[in-house]
Protein backbone atom coordinates (compact mmCIF):
# COMPACT_ATOMS: atom_id res chain seq x y z
CA UNK A 1 37.76 -77.96 -5.68
CA UNK A 2 34.48 -78.93 -7.43
CA UNK A 3 35.71 -82.52 -7.93
CA UNK A 4 32.24 -84.09 -7.98
CA UNK A 5 30.82 -81.59 -10.47
CA UNK A 6 33.92 -81.83 -12.67
CA UNK A 7 33.77 -85.62 -12.79
CA UNK A 8 30.06 -85.75 -13.62
CA UNK A 9 30.32 -83.07 -16.31
CA UNK A 10 33.46 -84.73 -17.62
CA UNK A 11 31.70 -88.04 -18.26
CA UNK A 12 28.83 -86.25 -19.99
CA UNK A 13 30.85 -83.94 -22.20
CA UNK A 14 33.60 -86.41 -23.10
CA UNK A 15 30.96 -88.63 -24.68
CA UNK A 16 29.93 -85.75 -26.96
CA UNK A 17 33.23 -84.09 -27.71
CA UNK A 18 34.33 -86.64 -30.31
CA UNK A 19 30.97 -86.82 -32.10
CA UNK A 20 30.87 -85.79 -35.75
CA UNK A 21 27.18 -84.93 -35.49
CA UNK A 22 24.84 -84.49 -32.56
CA UNK A 23 21.28 -85.76 -32.72
CA UNK A 24 18.40 -84.22 -30.78
CA UNK A 25 18.29 -87.34 -28.62
CA UNK A 26 21.98 -86.95 -27.75
CA UNK A 27 21.43 -83.31 -26.80
CA UNK A 28 18.40 -84.29 -24.74
CA UNK A 29 20.42 -86.95 -22.90
CA UNK A 30 23.30 -84.53 -22.38
CA UNK A 31 21.11 -81.78 -20.93
CA UNK A 32 19.46 -84.33 -18.62
CA UNK A 33 22.91 -85.35 -17.38
CA UNK A 34 23.78 -81.67 -16.94
CA UNK A 35 20.67 -81.20 -14.81
CA UNK A 36 21.53 -84.20 -12.63
CA UNK A 37 25.15 -83.05 -12.23
CA UNK A 38 24.06 -79.58 -11.09
CA UNK A 39 21.42 -80.92 -8.71
CA UNK A 40 23.96 -83.31 -7.18
CA UNK A 41 26.29 -80.32 -6.78
CA UNK A 42 23.55 -78.72 -4.60
CA UNK A 43 22.97 -75.87 -7.05
CA UNK A 44 19.74 -73.95 -6.38
CA UNK A 45 16.86 -75.40 -8.43
CA UNK A 46 15.92 -72.11 -10.22
CA UNK A 47 19.56 -71.74 -11.28
CA UNK A 48 19.63 -75.32 -12.58
CA UNK A 49 16.47 -74.81 -14.62
CA UNK A 50 17.71 -71.56 -16.14
CA UNK A 51 21.17 -72.94 -16.93
CA UNK A 52 19.94 -76.15 -18.57
CA UNK A 53 17.30 -74.34 -20.62
CA UNK A 54 19.85 -71.86 -21.97
CA UNK A 55 22.24 -74.66 -22.92
CA UNK A 56 19.43 -76.68 -24.55
CA UNK A 57 18.12 -73.69 -26.54
CA UNK A 58 21.56 -72.91 -27.91
CA UNK A 59 22.45 -76.55 -28.55
CA UNK A 60 19.40 -77.33 -30.70
CA UNK A 61 19.91 -74.16 -32.71
CA UNK A 62 22.19 -73.47 -35.65
CA UNK A 63 25.17 -72.85 -33.34
CA UNK A 64 25.77 -76.60 -32.94
CA UNK A 65 24.03 -77.98 -36.03
CA UNK A 66 26.19 -75.94 -38.43
CA UNK A 67 29.45 -76.50 -36.59
CA UNK A 68 32.12 -78.77 -38.08
CA UNK A 69 32.70 -80.18 -34.60
CA UNK A 70 29.31 -80.22 -32.83
CA UNK A 71 30.67 -81.93 -29.73
CA UNK A 72 33.23 -79.17 -29.23
CA UNK A 73 30.53 -76.58 -29.92
CA UNK A 74 28.36 -78.07 -27.19
CA UNK A 75 31.29 -77.99 -24.76
CA UNK A 76 31.88 -74.33 -25.63
CA UNK A 77 28.20 -73.53 -24.95
CA UNK A 78 28.37 -75.20 -21.53
CA UNK A 79 31.54 -73.28 -20.67
CA UNK A 80 30.07 -69.94 -21.80
CA UNK A 81 26.89 -70.51 -19.80
CA UNK A 82 28.94 -71.51 -16.76
CA UNK A 83 30.83 -68.23 -17.02
CA UNK A 84 27.57 -66.26 -17.22
CA UNK A 85 26.04 -68.15 -14.29
CA UNK A 86 29.15 -67.42 -12.23
CA UNK A 87 28.84 -63.70 -12.96
CA UNK A 88 30.23 -63.08 -16.43
CA UNK A 89 33.36 -61.16 -15.55
CA UNK A 90 35.51 -60.44 -12.52
CA UNK A 91 34.41 -57.44 -10.49
CA UNK A 92 37.25 -55.98 -8.39
CA UNK A 93 36.78 -54.40 -4.99
CA UNK A 94 35.48 -50.84 -5.19
CA UNK A 95 37.69 -48.40 -3.29
CA UNK A 96 36.59 -45.30 -5.18
CA UNK A 97 35.64 -43.22 -2.16
CA UNK A 98 37.04 -40.47 0.02
CA UNK A 99 39.62 -42.26 2.22
CA UNK A 100 39.16 -44.26 4.24
CA UNK A 101 36.98 -46.46 2.03
CA UNK A 102 34.72 -48.42 4.37
CA UNK A 103 34.13 -52.16 3.83
CA UNK A 104 31.44 -53.80 5.98
CA UNK A 105 31.83 -57.54 6.55
CA UNK A 106 28.67 -59.47 7.46
CA UNK A 107 27.62 -63.11 7.66
CA UNK A 108 26.63 -65.93 9.97
CA UNK A 109 28.74 -67.13 12.88
CA UNK A 110 31.26 -69.76 11.79
CA UNK A 111 31.31 -68.67 8.15
CA UNK A 112 34.92 -67.49 8.38
CA UNK A 113 34.04 -63.80 8.55
CA UNK A 114 36.78 -62.68 10.95
CA UNK A 115 39.47 -64.70 9.19
CA UNK A 116 38.27 -63.32 5.84
CA UNK A 117 38.60 -59.80 7.27
CA UNK A 118 42.24 -60.55 8.01
CA UNK A 119 42.76 -62.13 4.60
CA UNK A 120 41.22 -59.13 2.84
CA UNK A 121 43.35 -56.77 4.93
CA UNK A 122 46.49 -58.64 3.85
CA UNK A 123 45.30 -58.67 0.23
CA UNK A 124 44.74 -54.90 0.23
CA UNK A 125 48.06 -54.26 1.92
CA UNK A 126 50.14 -56.46 -0.40
CA UNK A 127 48.28 -56.30 -3.72
CA UNK A 128 46.81 -52.79 -3.60
CA UNK A 129 49.46 -51.15 -1.38
CA UNK A 130 46.78 -49.76 0.92
CA UNK A 131 47.05 -48.69 4.56
CA UNK A 132 44.37 -50.71 6.33
CA UNK A 133 42.68 -50.45 9.73
CA UNK A 134 40.43 -53.23 11.03
CA UNK A 135 37.86 -53.11 13.83
CA UNK A 136 35.52 -55.68 15.42
CA UNK A 137 31.95 -54.65 16.23
CA UNK A 138 31.13 -58.13 17.55
CA UNK A 139 30.62 -57.18 21.21
CA UNK A 140 28.79 -60.41 22.08
CA UNK A 141 31.66 -62.81 21.63
CA UNK A 142 34.93 -61.65 23.30
CA UNK A 143 36.87 -64.27 21.34
CA UNK A 144 35.89 -62.52 18.11
CA UNK A 145 37.63 -59.29 19.17
CA UNK A 146 40.75 -61.20 20.26
CA UNK A 147 40.72 -63.24 17.06
CA UNK A 148 40.64 -60.13 14.90
CA UNK A 149 43.50 -58.64 16.92
CA UNK A 150 45.57 -61.77 16.24
CA UNK A 151 44.87 -61.93 12.49
CA UNK A 152 45.50 -58.17 12.17
CA UNK A 153 48.92 -58.71 13.73
CA UNK A 154 49.62 -61.58 11.36
CA UNK A 155 48.58 -59.45 8.40
CA UNK A 156 50.63 -56.50 9.61
CA UNK A 157 47.72 -54.03 9.67
CA UNK A 158 46.39 -51.80 12.44
CA UNK A 159 43.74 -53.15 14.81
CA UNK A 160 41.40 -50.63 16.45
CA UNK A 161 40.46 -51.82 19.98
CA UNK A 162 36.90 -52.56 21.07
CA UNK A 163 35.37 -54.26 24.12
CA UNK A 164 32.34 -56.41 24.94
CA UNK A 165 29.40 -54.32 26.06
CA UNK A 166 30.19 -51.31 23.88
CA UNK A 167 27.65 -50.02 21.36
CA UNK A 168 28.59 -51.40 17.89
CA UNK A 169 27.68 -48.15 16.11
CA UNK A 170 29.75 -46.11 18.57
CA UNK A 171 32.73 -48.45 18.02
CA UNK A 172 32.43 -48.10 14.25
CA UNK A 173 32.25 -44.29 14.40
CA UNK A 174 35.27 -44.10 16.70
CA UNK A 175 37.22 -46.43 14.40
CA UNK A 176 36.29 -44.30 11.39
CA UNK A 177 37.48 -41.13 13.13
CA UNK A 178 40.74 -42.86 14.07
CA UNK A 179 41.25 -44.15 10.53
CA UNK A 180 40.82 -40.63 9.17
CA UNK A 181 43.39 -39.23 11.60
CA UNK A 182 45.83 -41.98 10.61
CA UNK A 183 45.26 -41.28 6.90
CA UNK A 184 44.23 -44.90 6.35
CA UNK A 185 43.08 -45.91 2.89
CA UNK A 186 40.62 -48.61 3.99
CA UNK A 187 38.62 -49.40 7.14
CA UNK A 188 37.40 -53.00 7.43
CA UNK A 189 34.50 -53.44 9.86
CA UNK A 190 33.88 -56.98 11.18
CA UNK A 191 30.29 -57.33 12.43
CA UNK A 192 28.58 -59.73 14.81
CA UNK A 193 27.26 -63.03 13.54
CA UNK A 194 24.64 -65.51 14.71
CA UNK A 195 24.19 -69.22 14.13
CA UNK A 196 21.05 -68.37 12.12
CA UNK A 197 19.52 -65.28 10.56
CA UNK A 198 17.58 -63.34 13.22
CA UNK A 199 15.87 -59.98 13.36
CA UNK A 200 18.05 -58.50 16.09
CA UNK A 201 21.23 -59.16 14.14
CA UNK A 202 19.73 -57.75 10.96
CA UNK A 203 18.66 -54.54 12.72
CA UNK A 204 22.16 -54.09 14.18
CA UNK A 205 23.91 -54.59 10.83
CA UNK A 206 21.41 -52.29 9.12
CA UNK A 207 22.16 -49.63 11.78
CA UNK A 208 25.90 -50.02 11.17
CA UNK A 209 25.36 -49.73 7.42
CA UNK A 210 23.28 -46.58 7.88
CA UNK A 211 25.87 -44.97 10.17
CA UNK A 212 28.89 -45.81 8.01
CA UNK A 213 27.52 -45.74 4.45
CA UNK A 214 30.18 -48.26 3.33
CA UNK A 215 31.45 -48.35 -0.24
CA UNK A 216 31.41 -52.17 -0.09
CA UNK A 217 29.12 -54.47 1.91
CA UNK A 218 30.46 -58.02 1.70
CA UNK A 219 28.50 -61.11 2.65
CA UNK A 220 30.87 -63.84 3.86
CA UNK A 221 29.51 -67.36 3.45
CA UNK A 222 30.79 -70.92 3.86
CA UNK A 223 30.66 -72.49 0.37
CA UNK A 224 30.43 -75.98 1.86
CA UNK A 225 26.86 -75.27 3.02
CA UNK A 226 25.84 -75.51 -0.65
CA UNK A 227 22.33 -74.35 -1.50
CA UNK A 228 21.86 -73.08 2.07
CA UNK A 229 24.65 -70.59 1.38
CA UNK A 230 22.65 -69.06 -1.45
CA UNK A 231 19.46 -68.97 0.61
CA UNK A 232 21.23 -67.25 3.53
CA UNK A 233 22.84 -64.78 1.15
CA UNK A 234 19.40 -63.93 -0.23
CA UNK A 235 18.09 -63.30 3.31
CA UNK A 236 20.90 -60.80 3.88
CA UNK A 237 20.36 -59.25 0.44
CA UNK A 238 16.70 -58.62 1.31
CA UNK A 239 17.80 -56.42 4.23
CA UNK A 240 21.14 -54.99 3.08
CA UNK A 241 22.39 -53.60 -0.23
CA UNK A 242 25.08 -56.25 -0.67
CA UNK A 243 27.79 -55.28 -3.14
CA UNK A 244 29.73 -58.54 -3.11
CA UNK A 245 30.19 -62.03 -1.71
CA UNK A 246 33.24 -63.77 -0.27
CA UNK A 247 33.00 -67.57 -0.51
CA UNK A 248 35.07 -69.28 2.17
CA UNK A 249 36.41 -72.86 2.44
CA UNK A 250 36.06 -73.33 -1.30
CA UNK A 251 39.13 -75.58 -1.29
CA UNK A 252 37.03 -78.16 0.56
CA UNK A 253 33.93 -77.72 -1.63
CA UNK A 254 33.74 -80.79 -3.85
CA UNK A 255 30.26 -79.90 -5.11
CA UNK A 256 30.37 -76.25 -6.21
CA UNK A 257 26.69 -75.49 -5.58
CA UNK A 258 27.27 -72.24 -3.67
CA UNK A 259 29.63 -70.80 -6.28
CA UNK A 260 27.14 -71.50 -9.05
CA UNK A 261 24.07 -70.33 -7.13
CA UNK A 262 24.97 -67.28 -5.10
CA UNK A 263 25.33 -64.77 -7.94
CA UNK A 264 22.05 -65.77 -9.57
CA UNK A 265 20.15 -65.87 -6.27
CA UNK A 266 21.43 -62.59 -4.81
CA UNK A 267 22.45 -60.54 -7.82
CA UNK A 268 25.64 -59.68 -5.92
CA UNK A 269 28.94 -60.72 -7.54
CA UNK A 270 31.35 -63.12 -5.88
CA UNK A 271 34.48 -61.01 -5.47
CA UNK A 272 36.80 -63.26 -3.47
CA UNK A 273 37.19 -66.93 -2.57
CA UNK A 274 39.00 -68.41 0.41
CA UNK A 275 41.13 -71.34 -0.76
CA UNK A 276 42.87 -72.32 2.48
CA UNK A 277 43.28 -71.54 6.16
CA UNK A 278 46.36 -69.31 5.91
CA UNK A 279 45.93 -65.56 5.57
CA UNK A 280 47.40 -65.45 2.07
CA UNK A 281 44.85 -67.99 0.82
CA UNK A 282 42.45 -65.48 -0.69
CA UNK A 283 41.93 -65.22 -4.45
CA UNK A 284 40.05 -62.78 -6.61
CA UNK A 285 37.06 -64.51 -8.21
CA UNK A 286 37.32 -64.82 -12.00
CA UNK A 287 34.19 -66.52 -13.47
CA UNK A 288 35.99 -67.59 -16.66
CA UNK A 289 38.83 -69.21 -14.73
CA UNK A 290 36.50 -71.01 -12.31
CA UNK A 291 34.46 -72.31 -15.26
CA UNK A 292 37.66 -73.58 -16.86
CA UNK A 293 38.65 -75.35 -13.64
CA UNK A 294 35.23 -76.98 -13.37
CA UNK A 295 35.67 -78.30 -16.92
CA UNK A 296 39.15 -79.63 -16.20
CA UNK A 297 40.97 -76.94 -18.20
CA UNK A 298 42.85 -75.59 -15.18
CA UNK A 299 43.67 -71.99 -14.41
CA UNK A 300 46.93 -71.35 -16.22
CA UNK A 301 46.66 -67.56 -15.89
CA UNK A 302 46.04 -67.86 -12.15
CA UNK A 303 49.01 -70.21 -11.84
CA UNK A 304 51.26 -67.75 -13.71
CA UNK A 305 50.08 -64.83 -11.57
CA UNK A 306 50.56 -66.68 -8.28
CA UNK A 307 53.98 -67.97 -9.27
CA UNK A 308 55.12 -64.54 -10.47
CA UNK A 309 53.93 -62.93 -7.24
CA UNK A 310 55.57 -65.39 -4.85
CA UNK A 311 58.83 -66.28 -6.58
CA UNK A 312 62.07 -64.53 -5.54
CA UNK A 313 62.87 -62.74 -8.80
CA UNK A 314 66.47 -61.87 -7.87
CA UNK A 315 67.32 -65.49 -7.11
CA UNK A 316 65.52 -66.63 -10.24
CA UNK A 317 67.47 -64.17 -12.38
CA UNK A 318 70.81 -65.29 -10.88
CA UNK A 319 69.93 -68.94 -11.45
CA UNK A 320 68.93 -68.26 -15.07
CA UNK A 321 72.21 -66.41 -15.66
CA UNK A 322 74.24 -69.25 -14.16
CA UNK A 323 72.37 -71.84 -16.23
CA UNK A 324 72.97 -69.83 -19.38
CA UNK A 325 76.69 -69.36 -18.72
CA UNK A 326 77.76 -72.71 -17.27
CA UNK A 327 74.97 -75.00 -18.49
CA UNK A 328 75.42 -76.86 -15.20
CA UNK A 329 72.85 -77.84 -12.58
CA UNK A 330 73.85 -79.42 -9.28
CA UNK A 331 72.12 -80.46 -6.06
CA UNK A 332 72.64 -77.01 -4.52
CA UNK A 333 70.67 -75.54 -7.42
CA UNK A 334 68.06 -78.29 -7.00
CA UNK A 335 67.73 -77.44 -3.29
CA UNK A 336 67.38 -73.74 -4.09
CA UNK A 337 64.52 -74.45 -6.49
CA UNK A 338 62.73 -76.60 -3.91
CA UNK A 339 63.20 -73.95 -1.22
CA UNK A 340 61.59 -71.45 -3.57
CA UNK A 341 58.63 -73.81 -4.02
CA UNK A 342 58.34 -74.32 -0.25
CA UNK A 343 58.37 -70.56 0.36
CA UNK A 344 55.48 -70.17 -2.08
CA UNK A 345 53.32 -72.40 0.15
CA UNK A 346 50.40 -74.56 -0.89
CA UNK A 347 52.03 -76.56 -3.69
CA UNK A 348 48.87 -78.64 -3.95
CA UNK A 349 46.82 -75.51 -4.66
CA UNK A 350 49.24 -74.60 -7.46
CA UNK A 351 48.99 -78.11 -8.93
CA UNK A 352 45.18 -77.82 -8.84
CA UNK A 353 45.41 -75.00 -11.36
CA UNK A 354 47.07 -77.23 -13.96
CA UNK A 355 44.81 -78.46 -16.79
CA UNK A 356 43.71 -82.05 -16.20
CA UNK A 357 41.31 -82.52 -19.07
CA UNK A 358 37.79 -83.80 -18.58
CA UNK A 359 38.12 -87.55 -18.84
CA UNK A 360 41.46 -87.81 -17.01
CA UNK A 361 40.65 -85.06 -14.56
CA UNK A 362 39.25 -87.35 -11.86
CA UNK A 363 42.32 -89.59 -11.91
CA UNK A 364 44.68 -86.61 -11.71
CA UNK A 365 42.72 -85.01 -8.86
CA UNK A 366 42.83 -88.28 -6.91
CA UNK A 367 46.60 -88.47 -7.39
CA UNK A 368 46.97 -84.89 -6.12
CA UNK A 369 44.67 -85.61 -3.18
CA UNK A 370 46.80 -88.58 -2.09
CA UNK A 371 50.09 -86.75 -2.61
CA UNK A 372 51.81 -84.57 0.00
CA UNK A 373 54.14 -82.29 -1.99
CA UNK A 374 55.03 -80.06 0.98
CA UNK A 375 56.18 -83.07 2.99
CA UNK A 376 58.12 -84.44 0.00
CA UNK A 377 59.91 -81.11 -0.47
CA UNK A 378 60.90 -80.93 3.21
CA UNK A 379 62.25 -84.51 3.06
CA UNK A 380 64.23 -83.76 -0.11
CA UNK A 381 65.78 -80.62 1.39
CA UNK A 382 66.72 -82.56 4.54
CA UNK A 383 68.46 -85.22 2.41
CA UNK A 384 70.47 -82.63 0.46
CA UNK A 385 71.38 -80.79 3.69
CA UNK A 386 72.81 -84.10 5.00
CA UNK A 387 75.30 -84.24 2.11
CA UNK A 388 78.78 -82.74 2.07
CA UNK A 389 79.42 -79.70 -0.10
CA UNK A 390 81.41 -81.88 -2.52
CA UNK A 391 78.52 -84.36 -2.82
CA UNK A 392 76.10 -81.55 -3.59
CA UNK A 393 78.43 -80.14 -6.23
CA UNK A 394 79.32 -83.53 -7.77
CA UNK A 395 76.28 -85.82 -7.24
CA UNK A 396 77.53 -88.40 -9.76
CA UNK A 397 80.29 -89.32 -7.28
CA UNK A 398 77.85 -90.33 -4.54
CA UNK A 399 78.45 -94.04 -3.86
CA UNK A 400 76.38 -96.60 -1.92
CA UNK A 401 78.28 -96.00 1.34
CA UNK A 402 77.66 -92.28 0.98
CA UNK A 403 73.95 -92.88 0.46
CA UNK A 404 73.69 -94.88 3.69
CA UNK A 405 75.39 -92.07 5.63
CA UNK A 406 73.15 -89.41 3.99
CA UNK A 407 70.01 -91.40 4.82
CA UNK A 408 71.07 -91.80 8.46
CA UNK A 409 71.94 -88.11 8.74
CA UNK A 410 68.57 -86.99 7.33
CA UNK A 411 66.41 -89.50 9.19
CA UNK A 412 65.29 -91.15 5.96
CA UNK A 413 65.77 -94.45 4.13
CA UNK A 414 68.33 -95.24 1.44
CA UNK A 415 65.38 -95.68 -0.96
CA UNK A 416 64.44 -92.04 -0.30
CA UNK A 417 67.96 -90.92 -1.17
CA UNK A 418 67.90 -92.99 -4.36
CA UNK A 419 64.52 -91.56 -5.32
CA UNK A 420 65.76 -88.00 -4.80
CA UNK A 421 68.83 -88.59 -6.94
CA UNK A 422 66.67 -90.00 -9.76
CA UNK A 423 64.42 -86.93 -9.57
CA UNK A 424 67.49 -84.73 -9.65
CA UNK A 425 68.83 -86.47 -12.75
CA UNK A 426 65.52 -85.99 -14.56
CA UNK A 427 65.45 -82.32 -13.59
CA UNK A 428 69.08 -81.85 -14.64
CA UNK A 429 68.33 -83.33 -18.07
CA UNK A 430 65.42 -80.91 -18.48
CA UNK A 431 67.59 -77.95 -17.39
CA UNK A 432 70.23 -78.89 -19.96
CA UNK A 433 67.58 -78.80 -22.67
CA UNK A 434 66.43 -75.40 -21.47
CA UNK A 435 70.00 -74.07 -21.45
CA UNK A 436 70.58 -75.31 -25.00
CA UNK A 437 67.48 -73.60 -26.40
CA UNK A 438 65.03 -76.40 -25.86
CA UNK A 439 62.59 -74.12 -24.03
CA UNK A 440 61.39 -72.56 -27.28
CA UNK A 441 60.52 -76.02 -28.61
CA UNK A 442 58.74 -76.87 -25.35
CA UNK A 443 56.67 -73.68 -25.54
CA UNK A 444 55.74 -74.29 -29.18
CA UNK A 445 54.62 -77.80 -28.25
CA UNK A 446 52.60 -76.43 -25.32
CA UNK A 447 50.95 -73.80 -27.51
CA UNK A 448 49.10 -76.45 -29.45
CA UNK A 449 47.54 -77.80 -26.25
CA UNK A 450 46.34 -74.55 -24.70
CA UNK A 451 43.02 -72.84 -25.46
CA UNK A 452 43.15 -69.94 -27.97
CA UNK A 453 44.52 -66.74 -26.49
CA UNK A 454 46.35 -68.41 -23.60
CA UNK A 455 49.85 -68.08 -25.06
CA UNK A 456 51.54 -64.71 -24.45
CA UNK A 457 51.76 -62.28 -27.35
CA UNK A 458 55.14 -61.62 -28.86
């Protein structure tokens, strides 16, 4: 995510961060590099001009000149202006309405609108504990109705039927009446899209908006279209009172232009981002966290939240109790931990949230891009499953002949078995340190590397 922008900004800011003083020429060069980085990221030109001017004005003022570490001060200015450009603060979905709260989903064909409707339905069901009904008003493309039915089933929410040829407004009113009778909390209305903005589509969506008076009107847009995404969003904003934006396919957006442009161009906040194809790959948009990720500082809070939400807390508690009592860690425990990671899904997306720094960020991202953690986890579990119970309990007794049998049984090579056992030994050493009180030392060491305010309060 945002690799190109992160790398370009990283080279610029790393050169300044270690400077004892900053000259006007250095600031001028840095702001020129900032401008080029943003333009290459396909950020809208008015946004680039405004951003660079704000950074320059603050950098040449007393804020940097009087700082003991001007390079760090300049970095802080860039981060703060990034946060403001991205929207300032997170704005959650507004459901403050007489149930069912109506959410209208609009956007161009192919933007991921129907999938995003399913993702949002799942989000509301799991995170907000809401009863959700979804309906498709796209009567021009039969596949759209069937697609919404499928994703509604996957999300475990109710799908209200509609058919090609029906009047979209009539469908929406019938769905609303049904949602009221079912005491639903939220009604998500998926509208028709076109390959380009056209007057007929705009009139239809405006008619739906007038008939439903939704509490939220979301514009769904493919972030990979860059500056075009912002321009299309503006066209919709000119005709509809947009209340929010959902950026899709942001996991494949190496540039970041849409994320940086759309708020400034439309005035509507980005509320959600799609970070993968699966239905659970929807994240709330936090400007401060996205800015930190762009600058290679990761998203530690997001990582903690995602891990806490997906981990099996009962199994984790039992494992912690066992580790505390016996101070032992065997291959069955190792397998259990990997199964937990596999059940969380998207290990690569979790790794992306780790801080990489600015200068080393590009190298780390390339390593992650070339890695396949999900495949590695499946292979490791297969190897452990090929062992006998005694071998899993007493891995130090596994001899060369055993390793050949384990490799054959798991469809792997002996080198793979050896690699797994080395990884296990490293993990076991770390677990022993944790069991003997080493975690407190690890946390104290980590505290010195995190930004202020990131460590939990006591």
